[in-house]
Amino acid sequence: AAQAVGCTCRAIKFYEEKGLLPAVAREEN
């Protein structure tokens, strides 16, 4: 996802922490 958007994994986690990105679905693992 980070590569597709051109950002860092840390940035994505930050957006999730701030509530900008809804809870992302998780796989069985």
mmCIF file of all heavy atoms, coordinates in Angstrom:
data_MODEL
# 
_entry.id   MODEL 
# 
loop_
_atom_site.group_PDB 
_atom_site.id 
_atom_site.type_symbol 
_atom_site.label_atom_id 
_atom_site.label_alt_id 
_atom_site.label_comp_id 
_atom_site.label_asym_id 
_atom_site.label_entity_id 
_atom_site.label_seq_id 
_atom_site.pdbx_PDB_ins_code 
_atom_site.Cartn_x 
_atom_site.Cartn_y 
_atom_site.Cartn_z 
_atom_site.occupancy 
_atom_site.B_iso_or_equiv 
_atom_site.pdbx_formal_charge 
_atom_site.auth_seq_id 
_atom_site.auth_comp_id 
_atom_site.auth_asym_id 
_atom_site.auth_atom_id 
_atom_site.pdbx_PDB_model_num 
ATOM 1   N N   . ALA A 1 1  ? 0.837   -1.199  0.000  1.00 0.00 ? 1  ALA A N   1 
ATOM 2   C CA  . ALA A 1 1  ? 0.000   0.000   0.000  1.00 0.00 ? 1  ALA A CA  1 
ATOM 3   C C   . ALA A 1 1  ? 0.873   1.252   0.000  1.00 0.00 ? 1  ALA A C   1 
ATOM 4   O O   . ALA A 1 1  ? 0.596   2.223   -0.711 1.00 0.00 ? 1  ALA A O   1 
ATOM 5   C CB  . ALA A 1 1  ? -0.927  -0.009  1.212  1.00 0.00 ? 1  ALA A CB  1 
ATOM 6   N N   . ALA A 1 2  ? 1.938   1.226   0.802  1.00 0.00 ? 2  ALA A N   1 
ATOM 7   C CA  . ALA A 1 2  ? 2.842   2.375   0.865  1.00 0.00 ? 2  ALA A CA  1 
ATOM 8   C C   . ALA A 1 2  ? 3.496   2.622   -0.491 1.00 0.00 ? 2  ALA A C   1 
ATOM 9   O O   . ALA A 1 2  ? 3.619   3.772   -0.932 1.00 0.00 ? 2  ALA A O   1 
ATOM 10  C CB  . ALA A 1 2  ? 3.904   2.146   1.942  1.00 0.00 ? 2  ALA A CB  1 
ATOM 11  N N   . GLN A 1 3  ? 3.902   1.555   -1.162 1.00 0.00 ? 3  GLN A N   1 
ATOM 12  C CA  . GLN A 1 3  ? 4.512   1.694   -2.486 1.00 0.00 ? 3  GLN A CA  1 
ATOM 13  C C   . GLN A 1 3  ? 3.507   2.215   -3.505 1.00 0.00 ? 3  GLN A C   1 
ATOM 14  O O   . GLN A 1 3  ? 3.841   3.046   -4.360 1.00 0.00 ? 3  GLN A O   1 
ATOM 15  C CB  . GLN A 1 3  ? 5.069   0.339   -2.941 1.00 0.00 ? 3  GLN A CB  1 
ATOM 16  C CG  . GLN A 1 3  ? 6.289   -0.105  -2.153 1.00 0.00 ? 3  GLN A CG  1 
ATOM 17  C CD  . GLN A 1 3  ? 6.744   -1.511  -2.529 1.00 0.00 ? 3  GLN A CD  1 
ATOM 18  O OE1 . GLN A 1 3  ? 6.074   -2.207  -3.286 1.00 0.00 ? 3  GLN A OE1 1 
ATOM 19  N NE2 . GLN A 1 3  ? 7.890   -1.922  -1.999 1.00 0.00 ? 3  GLN A NE2 1 
ATOM 20  N N   . ALA A 1 4  ? 2.258   1.762   -3.408 1.00 0.00 ? 4  ALA A N   1 
ATOM 21  C CA  . ALA A 1 4  ? 1.230   2.187   -4.356 1.00 0.00 ? 4  ALA A CA  1 
ATOM 22  C C   . ALA A 1 4  ? 0.922   3.675   -4.218 1.00 0.00 ? 4  ALA A C   1 
ATOM 23  O O   . ALA A 1 4  ? 0.637   4.362   -5.201 1.00 0.00 ? 4  ALA A O   1 
ATOM 24  C CB  . ALA A 1 4  ? -0.042  1.360   -4.158 1.00 0.00 ? 4  ALA A CB  1 
ATOM 25  N N   . VAL A 1 5  ? 0.992   4.167   -2.994 1.00 0.00 ? 5  VAL A N   1 
ATOM 26  C CA  . VAL A 1 5  ? 0.647   5.570   -2.736 1.00 0.00 ? 5  VAL A CA  1 
ATOM 27  C C   . VAL A 1 5  ? 1.872   6.463   -2.828 1.00 0.00 ? 5  VAL A C   1 
ATOM 28  O O   . VAL A 1 5  ? 1.771   7.660   -3.105 1.00 0.00 ? 5  VAL A O   1 
ATOM 29  C CB  . VAL A 1 5  ? -0.023  5.700   -1.345 1.00 0.00 ? 5  VAL A CB  1 
ATOM 30  C CG1 . VAL A 1 5  ? -0.339  7.153   -1.024 1.00 0.00 ? 5  VAL A CG1 1 
ATOM 31  C CG2 . VAL A 1 5  ? -1.294  4.870   -1.291 1.00 0.00 ? 5  VAL A CG2 1 
ATOM 32  N N   . GLY A 1 6  ? 3.055   5.885   -2.594 1.00 0.00 ? 6  GLY A N   1 
ATOM 33  C CA  . GLY A 1 6  ? 4.266   6.698   -2.590 1.00 0.00 ? 6  GLY A CA  1 
ATOM 34  C C   . GLY A 1 6  ? 4.515   7.352   -1.257 1.00 0.00 ? 6  GLY A C   1 
ATOM 35  O O   . GLY A 1 6  ? 4.959   8.505   -1.181 1.00 0.00 ? 6  GLY A O   1 
ATOM 36  N N   . CYS A 1 7  ? 4.203   6.623   -0.184 1.00 0.00 ? 7  CYS A N   1 
ATOM 37  C CA  . CYS A 1 7  ? 4.433   7.154   1.158  1.00 0.00 ? 7  CYS A CA  1 
ATOM 38  C C   . CYS A 1 7  ? 5.132   6.076   1.979  1.00 0.00 ? 7  CYS A C   1 
ATOM 39  O O   . CYS A 1 7  ? 5.549   5.042   1.444  1.00 0.00 ? 7  CYS A O   1 
ATOM 40  C CB  . CYS A 1 7  ? 3.116   7.580   1.816  1.00 0.00 ? 7  CYS A CB  1 
ATOM 41  S SG  . CYS A 1 7  ? 1.974   6.217   2.144  1.00 0.00 ? 7  CYS A SG  1 
ATOM 42  N N   . THR A 1 8  ? 5.271   6.290   3.271  1.00 0.00 ? 8  THR A N   1 
ATOM 43  C CA  . THR A 1 8  ? 5.932   5.324   4.140  1.00 0.00 ? 8  THR A CA  1 
ATOM 44  C C   . THR A 1 8  ? 4.897   4.537   4.933  1.00 0.00 ? 8  THR A C   1 
ATOM 45  O O   . THR A 1 8  ? 3.757   4.977   5.113  1.00 0.00 ? 8  THR A O   1 
ATOM 46  C CB  . THR A 1 8  ? 6.875   6.023   5.132  1.00 0.00 ? 8  THR A CB  1 
ATOM 47  O OG1 . THR A 1 8  ? 6.090   6.885   5.985  1.00 0.00 ? 8  THR A OG1 1 
ATOM 48  C CG2 . THR A 1 8  ? 7.919   6.853   4.394  1.00 0.00 ? 8  THR A CG2 1 
ATOM 49  N N   . CYS A 1 9  ? 5.315   3.388   5.431  1.00 0.00 ? 9  CYS A N   1 
ATOM 50  C CA  . CYS A 1 9  ? 4.446   2.595   6.306  1.00 0.00 ? 9  CYS A CA  1 
ATOM 51  C C   . CYS A 1 9  ? 4.140   3.378   7.579  1.00 0.00 ? 9  CYS A C   1 
ATOM 52  O O   . CYS A 1 9  ? 3.031   3.319   8.110  1.00 0.00 ? 9  CYS A O   1 
ATOM 53  C CB  . CYS A 1 9  ? 5.107   1.268   6.658  1.00 0.00 ? 9  CYS A CB  1 
ATOM 54  S SG  . CYS A 1 9  ? 5.395   0.180   5.245  1.00 0.00 ? 9  CYS A SG  1 
ATOM 55  N N   . ARG A 1 10 ? 5.141   4.119   8.052  1.00 0.00 ? 10 ARG A N   1 
ATOM 56  C CA  . ARG A 1 10 ? 4.945   4.926   9.256  1.00 0.00 ? 10 ARG A CA  1 
ATOM 57  C C   . ARG A 1 10 ? 3.842   5.970   9.047  1.00 0.00 ? 10 ARG A C   1 
ATOM 58  O O   . ARG A 1 10 ? 3.034   6.229   9.946  1.00 0.00 ? 10 ARG A O   1 
ATOM 59  C CB  . ARG A 1 10 ? 6.259   5.615   9.643  1.00 0.00 ? 10 ARG A CB  1 
ATOM 60  C CG  . ARG A 1 10 ? 6.202   6.380   10.953 1.00 0.00 ? 10 ARG A CG  1 
ATOM 61  C CD  . ARG A 1 10 ? 7.545   7.049   11.214 1.00 0.00 ? 10 ARG A CD  1 
ATOM 62  N NE  . ARG A 1 10 ? 8.581   6.063   11.405 1.00 0.00 ? 10 ARG A NE  1 
ATOM 63  C CZ  . ARG A 1 10 ? 8.868   5.505   12.578 1.00 0.00 ? 10 ARG A CZ  1 
ATOM 64  N NH1 . ARG A 1 10 ? 8.171   5.846   13.651 1.00 0.00 ? 10 ARG A NH1 1 
ATOM 65  N NH2 . ARG A 1 10 ? 9.848   4.627   12.676 1.00 0.00 ? 10 ARG A NH2 1 
ATOM 66  N N   . ALA A 1 11 ? 3.811   6.575   7.855  1.00 0.00 ? 11 ALA A N   1 
ATOM 67  C CA  . ALA A 1 11 ? 2.774   7.569   7.567  1.00 0.00 ? 11 ALA A CA  1 
ATOM 68  C C   . ALA A 1 11 ? 1.392   6.929   7.584  1.00 0.00 ? 11 ALA A C   1 
ATOM 69  O O   . ALA A 1 11 ? 0.435   7.503   8.126  1.00 0.00 ? 11 ALA A O   1 
ATOM 70  C CB  . ALA A 1 11 ? 3.037   8.216   6.211  1.00 0.00 ? 11 ALA A CB  1 
ATOM 71  N N   . ILE A 1 12 ? 1.274   5.732   7.002  1.00 0.00 ? 12 ILE A N   1 
ATOM 72  C CA  . ILE A 1 12 ? -0.028  5.047   6.982  1.00 0.00 ? 12 ILE A CA  1 
ATOM 73  C C   . ILE A 1 12 ? -0.484  4.744   8.410  1.00 0.00 ? 12 ILE A C   1 
ATOM 74  O O   . ILE A 1 12 ? -1.654  4.956   8.763  1.00 0.00 ? 12 ILE A O   1 
ATOM 75  C CB  . ILE A 1 12 ? 0.063   3.749   6.153  1.00 0.00 ? 12 ILE A CB  1 
ATOM 76  C CG1 . ILE A 1 12 ? 0.299   4.090   4.683  1.00 0.00 ? 12 ILE A CG1 1 
ATOM 77  C CG2 . ILE A 1 12 ? -1.207  2.925   6.305  1.00 0.00 ? 12 ILE A CG2 1 
ATOM 78  C CD1 . ILE A 1 12 ? 0.467   2.874   3.775  1.00 0.00 ? 12 ILE A CD1 1 
ATOM 79  N N   . LYS A 1 13 ? 0.442   4.271   9.242  1.00 0.00 ? 13 LYS A N   1 
ATOM 80  C CA  . LYS A 1 13 ? 0.089   3.975   10.637 1.00 0.00 ? 13 LYS A CA  1 
ATOM 81  C C   . LYS A 1 13 ? -0.336  5.252   11.371 1.00 0.00 ? 13 LYS A C   1 
ATOM 82  O O   . LYS A 1 13 ? -1.248  5.233   12.194 1.00 0.00 ? 13 LYS A O   1 
ATOM 83  C CB  . LYS A 1 13 ? 1.269   3.318   11.347 1.00 0.00 ? 13 LYS A CB  1 
ATOM 84  C CG  . LYS A 1 13 ? 1.569   1.916   10.839 1.00 0.00 ? 13 LYS A CG  1 
ATOM 85  C CD  . LYS A 1 13 ? 2.801   1.334   11.528 1.00 0.00 ? 13 LYS A CD  1 
ATOM 86  C CE  . LYS A 1 13 ? 3.110   -0.075  11.005 1.00 0.00 ? 13 LYS A CE  1 
ATOM 87  N NZ  . LYS A 1 13 ? 4.332   -0.640  11.621 1.00 0.00 ? 13 LYS A NZ  1 
ATOM 88  N N   . PHE A 1 14 ? 0.335   6.356   11.050 1.00 0.00 ? 14 PHE A N   1 
ATOM 89  C CA  . PHE A 1 14 ? -0.017  7.640   11.660 1.00 0.00 ? 14 PHE A CA  1 
ATOM 90  C C   . PHE A 1 14 ? -1.439  8.043   11.272 1.00 0.00 ? 14 PHE A C   1 
ATOM 91  O O   . PHE A 1 14 ? -2.231  8.481   12.112 1.00 0.00 ? 14 PHE A O   1 
ATOM 92  C CB  . PHE A 1 14 ? 0.980   8.716   11.220 1.00 0.00 ? 14 PHE A CB  1 
ATOM 93  C CG  . PHE A 1 14 ? 0.622   10.105  11.643 1.00 0.00 ? 14 PHE A CG  1 
ATOM 94  C CD1 . PHE A 1 14 ? 0.834   10.538  12.936 1.00 0.00 ? 14 PHE A CD1 1 
ATOM 95  C CD2 . PHE A 1 14 ? 0.049   11.002  10.729 1.00 0.00 ? 14 PHE A CD2 1 
ATOM 96  C CE1 . PHE A 1 14 ? 0.495   11.831  13.335 1.00 0.00 ? 14 PHE A CE1 1 
ATOM 97  C CE2 . PHE A 1 14 ? -0.291  12.289  11.112 1.00 0.00 ? 14 PHE A CE2 1 
ATOM 98  C CZ  . PHE A 1 14 ? -0.064  12.705  12.421 1.00 0.00 ? 14 PHE A CZ  1 
ATOM 99  N N   . TYR A 1 15 ? -1.788  7.881   9.979  1.00 0.00 ? 15 TYR A N   1 
ATOM 100 C CA  . TYR A 1 15 ? -3.135  8.227   9.525  1.00 0.00 ? 15 TYR A CA  1 
ATOM 101 C C   . TYR A 1 15 ? -4.177  7.351   10.215 1.00 0.00 ? 15 TYR A C   1 
ATOM 102 O O   . TYR A 1 15 ? -5.269  7.824   10.556 1.00 0.00 ? 15 TYR A O   1 
ATOM 103 C CB  . TYR A 1 15 ? -3.242  8.054   8.007  1.00 0.00 ? 15 TYR A CB  1 
ATOM 104 C CG  . TYR A 1 15 ? -2.296  8.921   7.217  1.00 0.00 ? 15 TYR A CG  1 
ATOM 105 C CD1 . TYR A 1 15 ? -1.800  8.502   5.978  1.00 0.00 ? 15 TYR A CD1 1 
ATOM 106 C CD2 . TYR A 1 15 ? -1.876  10.163  7.696  1.00 0.00 ? 15 TYR A CD2 1 
ATOM 107 C CE1 . TYR A 1 15 ? -0.928  9.298   5.243  1.00 0.00 ? 15 TYR A CE1 1 
ATOM 108 C CE2 . TYR A 1 15 ? -1.000  10.960  6.965  1.00 0.00 ? 15 TYR A CE2 1 
ATOM 109 C CZ  . TYR A 1 15 ? -0.526  10.514  5.754  1.00 0.00 ? 15 TYR A CZ  1 
ATOM 110 O OH  . TYR A 1 15 ? 0.338   11.297  5.037  1.00 0.00 ? 15 TYR A OH  1 
ATOM 111 N N   . GLU A 1 16 ? -3.835  6.090   10.437 1.00 0.00 ? 16 GLU A N   1 
ATOM 112 C CA  . GLU A 1 16 ? -4.761  5.203   11.126 1.00 0.00 ? 16 GLU A CA  1 
ATOM 113 C C   . GLU A 1 16 ? -4.947  5.631   12.583 1.00 0.00 ? 16 GLU A C   1 
ATOM 114 O O   . GLU A 1 16 ? -6.063  5.655   13.103 1.00 0.00 ? 16 GLU A O   1 
ATOM 115 C CB  . GLU A 1 16 ? -4.258  3.760   11.051 1.00 0.00 ? 16 GLU A CB  1 
ATOM 116 C CG  . GLU A 1 16 ? -4.308  3.163   9.646  1.00 0.00 ? 16 GLU A CG  1 
ATOM 117 C CD  . GLU A 1 16 ? -3.721  1.762   9.587  1.00 0.00 ? 16 GLU A CD  1 
ATOM 118 O OE1 . GLU A 1 16 ? -3.144  1.324   10.606 1.00 0.00 ? 16 GLU A OE1 1 
ATOM 119 O OE2 . GLU A 1 16 ? -3.842  1.111   8.537  1.00 0.00 ? 16 GLU A OE2 1 
ATOM 120 N N   . GLU A 1 17 ? -3.834  5.998   13.239 1.00 0.00 ? 17 GLU A N   1 
ATOM 121 C CA  . GLU A 1 17 ? -3.896  6.436   14.637 1.00 0.00 ? 17 GLU A CA  1 
ATOM 122 C C   . GLU A 1 17 ? -4.737  7.692   14.787 1.00 0.00 ? 17 GLU A C   1 
ATOM 123 O O   . GLU A 1 17 ? -5.446  7.862   15.787 1.00 0.00 ? 17 GLU A O   1 
ATOM 124 C CB  . GLU A 1 17 ? -2.481  6.691   15.166 1.00 0.00 ? 17 GLU A CB  1 
ATOM 125 C CG  . GLU A 1 17 ? -1.650  5.439   15.334 1.00 0.00 ? 17 GLU A CG  1 
ATOM 126 C CD  . GLU A 1 17 ? -0.197  5.761   15.650 1.00 0.00 ? 17 GLU A CD  1 
ATOM 127 O OE1 . GLU A 1 17 ? 0.133   6.972   15.748 1.00 0.00 ? 17 GLU A OE1 1 
ATOM 128 O OE2 . GLU A 1 17 ? 0.609   4.821   15.789 1.00 0.00 ? 17 GLU A OE2 1 
ATOM 129 N N   . LYS A 1 18 ? -4.671  8.577   13.795 1.00 0.00 ? 18 LYS A N   1 
ATOM 130 C CA  . LYS A 1 18 ? -5.413  9.838   13.855 1.00 0.00 ? 18 LYS A CA  1 
ATOM 131 C C   . LYS A 1 18 ? -6.856  9.691   13.372 1.00 0.00 ? 18 LYS A C   1 
ATOM 132 O O   . LYS A 1 18 ? -7.606  10.670  13.359 1.00 0.00 ? 18 LYS A O   1 
ATOM 133 C CB  . LYS A 1 18 ? -4.706  10.903  13.008 1.00 0.00 ? 18 LYS A CB  1 
ATOM 134 C CG  . LYS A 1 18 ? -3.336  11.301  13.545 1.00 0.00 ? 18 LYS A CG  1 
ATOM 135 C CD  . LYS A 1 18 ? -3.438  11.879  14.953 1.00 0.00 ? 18 LYS A CD  1 
ATOM 136 C CE  . LYS A 1 18 ? -2.096  12.304  15.480 1.00 0.00 ? 18 LYS A CE  1 
ATOM 137 N NZ  . LYS A 1 18 ? -2.198  12.863  16.870 1.00 0.00 ? 18 LYS A NZ  1 
ATOM 138 N N   . GLY A 1 19 ? -7.247  8.482   12.988 1.00 0.00 ? 19 GLY A N   1 
ATOM 139 C CA  . GLY A 1 19 ? -8.621  8.258   12.566 1.00 0.00 ? 19 GLY A CA  1 
ATOM 140 C C   . GLY A 1 19 ? -8.928  8.719   11.162 1.00 0.00 ? 19 GLY A C   1 
ATOM 141 O O   . GLY A 1 19 ? -10.104 8.856   10.800 1.00 0.00 ? 19 GLY A O   1 
ATOM 142 N N   . LEU A 1 20 ? -7.891  8.970   10.360 1.00 0.00 ? 20 LEU A N   1 
ATOM 143 C CA  . LEU A 1 20 ? -8.125  9.395   8.981  1.00 0.00 ? 20 LEU A CA  1 
ATOM 144 C C   . LEU A 1 20 ? -8.427  8.212   8.069  1.00 0.00 ? 20 LEU A C   1 
ATOM 145 O O   . LEU A 1 20 ? -9.092  8.367   7.043  1.00 0.00 ? 20 LEU A O   1 
ATOM 146 C CB  . LEU A 1 20 ? -6.897  10.147  8.447  1.00 0.00 ? 20 LEU A CB  1 
ATOM 147 C CG  . LEU A 1 20 ? -6.455  11.372  9.241  1.00 0.00 ? 20 LEU A CG  1 
ATOM 148 C CD1 . LEU A 1 20 ? -5.261  12.029  8.565  1.00 0.00 ? 20 LEU A CD1 1 
ATOM 149 C CD2 . LEU A 1 20 ? -7.593  12.370  9.387  1.00 0.00 ? 20 LEU A CD2 1 
ATOM 150 N N   . LEU A 1 21 ? -7.944  7.064   8.448  1.00 0.00 ? 21 LEU A N   1 
ATOM 151 C CA  . LEU A 1 21 ? -8.163  5.855   7.663  1.00 0.00 ? 21 LEU A CA  1 
ATOM 152 C C   . LEU A 1 21 ? -8.969  4.875   8.515  1.00 0.00 ? 21 LEU A C   1 
ATOM 153 O O   . LEU A 1 21 ? -8.536  4.512   9.610  1.00 0.00 ? 21 LEU A O   1 
ATOM 154 C CB  . LEU A 1 21 ? -6.822  5.226   7.271  1.00 0.00 ? 21 LEU A CB  1 
ATOM 155 C CG  . LEU A 1 21 ? -6.861  4.124   6.213  1.00 0.00 ? 21 LEU A CG  1 
ATOM 156 C CD1 . LEU A 1 21 ? -7.308  4.700   4.863  1.00 0.00 ? 21 LEU A CD1 1 
ATOM 157 C CD2 . LEU A 1 21 ? -5.473  3.490   6.064  1.00 0.00 ? 21 LEU A CD2 1 
ATOM 158 N N   . PRO A 1 22 ? -10.170 4.478   8.058  1.00 0.00 ? 22 PRO A N   1 
ATOM 159 C CA  . PRO A 1 22 ? -10.989 3.545   8.840  1.00 0.00 ? 22 PRO A CA  1 
ATOM 160 C C   . PRO A 1 22 ? -10.241 2.246   9.116  1.00 0.00 ? 22 PRO A C   1 
ATOM 161 O O   . PRO A 1 22 ? -9.249  1.937   8.457  1.00 0.00 ? 22 PRO A O   1 
ATOM 162 C CB  . PRO A 1 22 ? -12.212 3.309   7.940  1.00 0.00 ? 22 PRO A CB  1 
ATOM 163 C CG  . PRO A 1 22 ? -12.231 4.459   7.000  1.00 0.00 ? 22 PRO A CG  1 
ATOM 164 C CD  . PRO A 1 22 ? -10.803 4.857   6.793  1.00 0.00 ? 22 PRO A CD  1 
ATOM 165 N N   . ALA A 1 23 ? -10.747 1.508   10.089 1.00 0.00 ? 23 ALA A N   1 
ATOM 166 C CA  . ALA A 1 23 ? -10.117 0.237   10.447 1.00 0.00 ? 23 ALA A CA  1 
ATOM 167 C C   . ALA A 1 23 ? -9.978  -0.641  9.207  1.00 0.00 ? 23 ALA A C   1 
ATOM 168 O O   . ALA A 1 23 ? -10.950 -0.935  8.522  1.00 0.00 ? 23 ALA A O   1 
ATOM 169 C CB  . ALA A 1 23 ? -10.945 -0.473  11.508 1.00 0.00 ? 23 ALA A CB  1 
ATOM 170 N N   . VAL A 1 24 ? -8.746  -1.027  8.942  1.00 0.00 ? 24 VAL A N   1 
ATOM 171 C CA  . VAL A 1 24 ? -8.460  -1.840  7.761  1.00 0.00 ? 24 VAL A CA  1 
ATOM 172 C C   . VAL A 1 24 ? -8.746  -3.306  8.073  1.00 0.00 ? 24 VAL A C   1 
ATOM 173 O O   . VAL A 1 24 ? -8.396  -3.802  9.157  1.00 0.00 ? 24 VAL A O   1 
ATOM 174 C CB  . VAL A 1 24 ? -6.988  -1.667  7.329  1.00 0.00 ? 24 VAL A CB  1 
ATOM 175 C CG1 . VAL A 1 24 ? -6.659  -2.561  6.143  1.00 0.00 ? 24 VAL A CG1 1 
ATOM 176 C CG2 . VAL A 1 24 ? -6.715  -0.202  7.005  1.00 0.00 ? 24 VAL A CG2 1 
ATOM 177 N N   . ALA A 1 25 ? -9.408  -3.980  7.132  1.00 0.00 ? 25 ALA A N   1 
ATOM 178 C CA  . ALA A 1 25 ? -9.726  -5.392  7.330  1.00 0.00 ? 25 ALA A CA  1 
ATOM 179 C C   . ALA A 1 25 ? -8.448  -6.207  7.486  1.00 0.00 ? 25 ALA A C   1 
ATOM 180 O O   . ALA A 1 25 ? -7.396  -5.865  6.932  1.00 0.00 ? 25 ALA A O   1 
ATOM 181 C CB  . ALA A 1 25 ? -10.537 -5.909  6.136  1.00 0.00 ? 25 ALA A CB  1 
ATOM 182 N N   . ARG A 1 26 ? -8.524  -7.261  8.265  1.00 0.00 ? 26 ARG A N   1 
ATOM 183 C CA  . ARG A 1 26 ? -7.365  -8.113  8.498  1.00 0.00 ? 26 ARG A CA  1 
ATOM 184 C C   . ARG A 1 26 ? -7.597  -9.510  7.932  1.00 0.00 ? 26 ARG A C   1 
ATOM 185 O O   . ARG A 1 26 ? -8.724  -10.029 7.951  1.00 0.00 ? 26 ARG A O   1 
ATOM 186 C CB  . ARG A 1 26 ? -7.044  -8.207  9.996  1.00 0.00 ? 26 ARG A CB  1 
ATOM 187 C CG  . ARG A 1 26 ? -6.526  -6.896  10.593 1.00 0.00 ? 26 ARG A CG  1 
ATOM 188 C CD  . ARG A 1 26 ? -6.204  -7.053  12.065 1.00 0.00 ? 26 ARG A CD  1 
ATOM 189 N NE  . ARG A 1 26 ? -5.711  -5.817  12.650 1.00 0.00 ? 26 ARG A NE  1 
ATOM 190 C CZ  . ARG A 1 26 ? -4.427  -5.465  12.710 1.00 0.00 ? 26 ARG A CZ  1 
ATOM 191 N NH1 . ARG A 1 26 ? -3.506  -6.288  12.208 1.00 0.00 ? 26 ARG A NH1 1 
ATOM 192 N NH2 . ARG A 1 26 ? -4.061  -4.332  13.257 1.00 0.00 ? 26 ARG A NH2 1 
ATOM 193 N N   . GLU A 1 27 ? -6.524  -10.127 7.473  1.00 0.00 ? 27 GLU A N   1 
ATOM 194 C CA  . GLU A 1 27 ? -6.591  -11.496 7.005  1.00 0.00 ? 27 GLU A CA  1 
ATOM 195 C C   . GLU A 1 27 ? -6.607  -12.448 8.196  1.00 0.00 ? 27 GLU A C   1 
ATOM 196 O O   . GLU A 1 27 ? -6.449  -12.021 9.349  1.00 0.00 ? 27 GLU A O   1 
ATOM 197 C CB  . GLU A 1 27 ? -5.385  -11.791 6.105  1.00 0.00 ? 27 GLU A CB  1 
ATOM 198 C CG  . GLU A 1 27 ? -5.306  -10.882 4.879  1.00 0.00 ? 27 GLU A CG  1 
ATOM 199 C CD  . GLU A 1 27 ? -4.018  -11.100 4.097  1.00 0.00 ? 27 GLU A CD  1 
ATOM 200 O OE1 . GLU A 1 27 ? -3.101  -11.760 4.632  1.00 0.00 ? 27 GLU A OE1 1 
ATOM 201 O OE2 . GLU A 1 27 ? -3.938  -10.610 2.951  1.00 0.00 ? 27 GLU A OE2 1 
ATOM 202 N N   . GLU A 1 28 ? -6.786  -13.712 7.930  1.00 0.00 ? 28 GLU A N   1 
ATOM 203 C CA  . GLU A 1 28 ? -6.832  -14.687 9.011  1.00 0.00 ? 28 GLU A CA  1 
ATOM 204 C C   . GLU A 1 28 ? -5.537  -14.727 9.804  1.00 0.00 ? 28 GLU A C   1 
ATOM 205 O O   . GLU A 1 28 ? -5.529  -15.001 11.004 1.00 0.00 ? 28 GLU A O   1 
ATOM 206 C CB  . GLU A 1 28 ? -7.124  -16.086 8.434  1.00 0.00 ? 28 GLU A CB  1 
ATOM 207 C CG  . GLU A 1 28 ? -8.542  -16.230 7.877  1.00 0.00 ? 28 GLU A CG  1 
ATOM 208 C CD  . GLU A 1 28 ? -8.799  -17.644 7.391  1.00 0.00 ? 28 GLU A CD  1 
ATOM 209 O OE1 . GLU A 1 28 ? -7.878  -18.489 7.507  1.00 0.00 ? 28 GLU A OE1 1 
ATOM 210 O OE2 . GLU A 1 28 ? -9.918  -17.894 6.909  1.00 0.00 ? 28 GLU A OE2 1 
ATOM 211 N N   . ASN A 1 29 ? -4.425  -14.426 9.166  1.00 0.00 ? 29 ASN A N   1 
ATOM 212 C CA  . ASN A 1 29 ? -3.134  -14.431 9.859  1.00 0.00 ? 29 ASN A CA  1 
ATOM 213 C C   . ASN A 1 29 ? -2.856  -13.135 10.624 1.00 0.00 ? 29 ASN A C   1 
ATOM 214 O O   . ASN A 1 29 ? -1.799  -12.968 11.218 1.00 0.00 ? 29 ASN A O   1 
ATOM 215 C CB  . ASN A 1 29 ? -1.996  -14.701 8.878  1.00 0.00 ? 29 ASN A CB  1 
ATOM 216 C CG  . ASN A 1 29 ? -1.977  -13.689 7.734  1.00 0.00 ? 29 ASN A CG  1 
ATOM 217 O OD1 . ASN A 1 29 ? -2.597  -12.636 7.806  1.00 0.00 ? 29 ASN A OD1 1 
ATOM 218 N ND2 . ASN A 1 29 ? -1.249  -14.020 6.658  1.00 0.00 ? 29 ASN A ND2 1 
# 
